[in-house]
Protein backbone atom coordinates (compact mmCIF):
# COMPACT_ATOMS: atom_id res chain seq x y z
CA MET A 1 -11.83 -66.36 0.40
CA ALA A 2 -13.11 -63.23 2.38
CA THR A 3 -16.39 -63.26 4.20
CA THR A 4 -18.60 -60.05 3.94
CA SER A 5 -17.87 -58.84 7.32
CA GLN A 6 -14.20 -58.98 6.33
CA ALA A 7 -14.79 -57.37 3.26
CA ALA A 8 -16.82 -54.49 4.91
CA ASN A 9 -14.00 -54.18 7.56
CA LYS A 10 -11.48 -53.46 4.89
CA VAL A 11 -13.75 -50.87 3.12
CA GLU A 12 -14.15 -49.17 6.61
CA GLN A 13 -10.19 -49.21 7.04
CA LEU A 14 -9.99 -47.32 3.82
CA ARG A 15 -12.29 -44.37 4.51
CA PRO A 16 -10.77 -41.21 5.71
CA ASP A 17 -10.73 -40.62 9.52
CA ILE A 18 -13.30 -37.28 9.66
CA SER A 19 -11.85 -36.67 13.08
CA THR A 20 -8.35 -35.69 12.00
CA ASN A 21 -6.90 -33.68 9.25
CA SER A 22 -3.20 -33.65 8.04
CA PHE A 23 -1.45 -30.94 6.30
CA ILE A 24 1.65 -30.57 4.42
CA VAL A 25 3.30 -26.73 4.51
CA LYS A 26 5.91 -26.11 2.48
CA VAL A 27 7.64 -22.39 2.47
CA TRP A 28 10.70 -20.97 0.48
CA VAL A 29 12.10 -17.65 -0.35
CA GLU A 30 12.51 -15.90 -3.69
CA PRO A 31 14.09 -12.82 -5.00
CA ASN A 32 11.25 -10.35 -5.24
CA GLY A 33 12.62 -8.98 -8.92
CA GLN A 34 14.45 -5.99 -7.66
CA PRO A 35 18.02 -5.84 -7.37
CA GLY A 36 18.99 -5.19 -3.60
CA GLU A 37 15.45 -5.63 -2.19
CA GLN A 38 14.72 -8.19 0.50
CA MET A 39 13.64 -11.37 -0.57
CA VAL A 40 10.26 -12.69 -0.29
CA TRP A 41 8.50 -15.97 0.95
CA ARG A 42 6.10 -18.07 -0.68
CA GLY A 43 4.57 -21.32 -0.17
CA HIS A 44 1.65 -23.92 -0.32
CA ILE A 45 -0.23 -25.95 2.05
CA THR A 46 -1.61 -28.96 1.01
CA HIS A 47 -4.76 -31.05 2.87
CA VAL A 48 -3.48 -34.54 2.69
CA PRO A 49 -6.86 -36.40 2.73
CA ASP A 50 -8.47 -34.71 -0.28
CA GLY A 51 -5.16 -33.30 -2.14
CA LYS A 52 -6.79 -29.70 -1.95
CA ARG A 53 -3.53 -27.22 -2.35
CA LYS A 54 -3.65 -23.49 -1.94
CA HIS A 55 -0.52 -21.22 -2.81
CA VAL A 56 0.10 -18.75 -0.06
CA ARG A 57 2.01 -15.36 0.28
CA ARG A 58 1.32 -14.60 3.86
CA MET A 59 1.30 -16.63 7.07
CA LYS A 60 -2.43 -15.90 7.58
CA GLU A 61 -3.36 -17.64 4.59
CA ILE A 62 -2.20 -20.74 6.18
CA THR A 63 -4.34 -20.58 9.23
CA GLU A 64 -7.53 -19.53 7.08
CA PHE A 65 -6.68 -22.92 4.93
CA ILE A 66 -6.65 -24.90 7.97
CA THR A 67 -9.61 -23.08 9.57
CA SER A 68 -12.07 -24.21 6.95
CA TYR A 69 -11.40 -28.01 7.69
CA LEU A 70 -11.56 -27.52 11.53
CA GLN A 71 -14.74 -25.54 11.35
CA ASN A 72 -16.25 -28.66 9.39
CA MET A 73 -15.17 -30.89 12.25
CA GLY A 74 -16.85 -28.63 14.67
CA VAL A 75 -13.82 -27.24 16.38
CA ASN A 76 -14.76 -24.21 18.56
CA ASP A 77 -13.68 -21.01 16.85
CA THR A 78 -12.61 -19.46 20.38
CA ILE A 79 -9.90 -22.37 20.91
CA TRP A 80 -8.68 -22.13 17.30
CA GLU A 81 -8.38 -18.42 17.71
CA ARG A 82 -6.31 -18.65 20.77
CA ILE A 83 -3.96 -21.20 19.01
CA ARG A 84 -3.83 -18.81 15.88
CA ASN A 85 -2.77 -16.18 18.18
CA ARG A 86 0.10 -18.31 19.56
CA LEU A 87 1.38 -19.41 16.21
CA TRP A 88 1.45 -15.94 14.50
CA HIS A 89 1.96 -13.51 17.73
């Protein structure tokens, strides 16, 4: 039989870690509907802990989605701005 402290420890292990975030990014290309035209890319990003998903059409939307979670963690905007610039430039 589990003690109260063992039960409390198991509950603590099940809580999401608010100091980390995980994301799944899926991208693909589709025809844009016009014969002979360039393919367009689509995708979605999912925040793993809460399951929130956003469909995207521009890479910038991926970083905007991630930014909202990082700001909640207290990540310095200047640091994240440098990371975004390296990713997309």
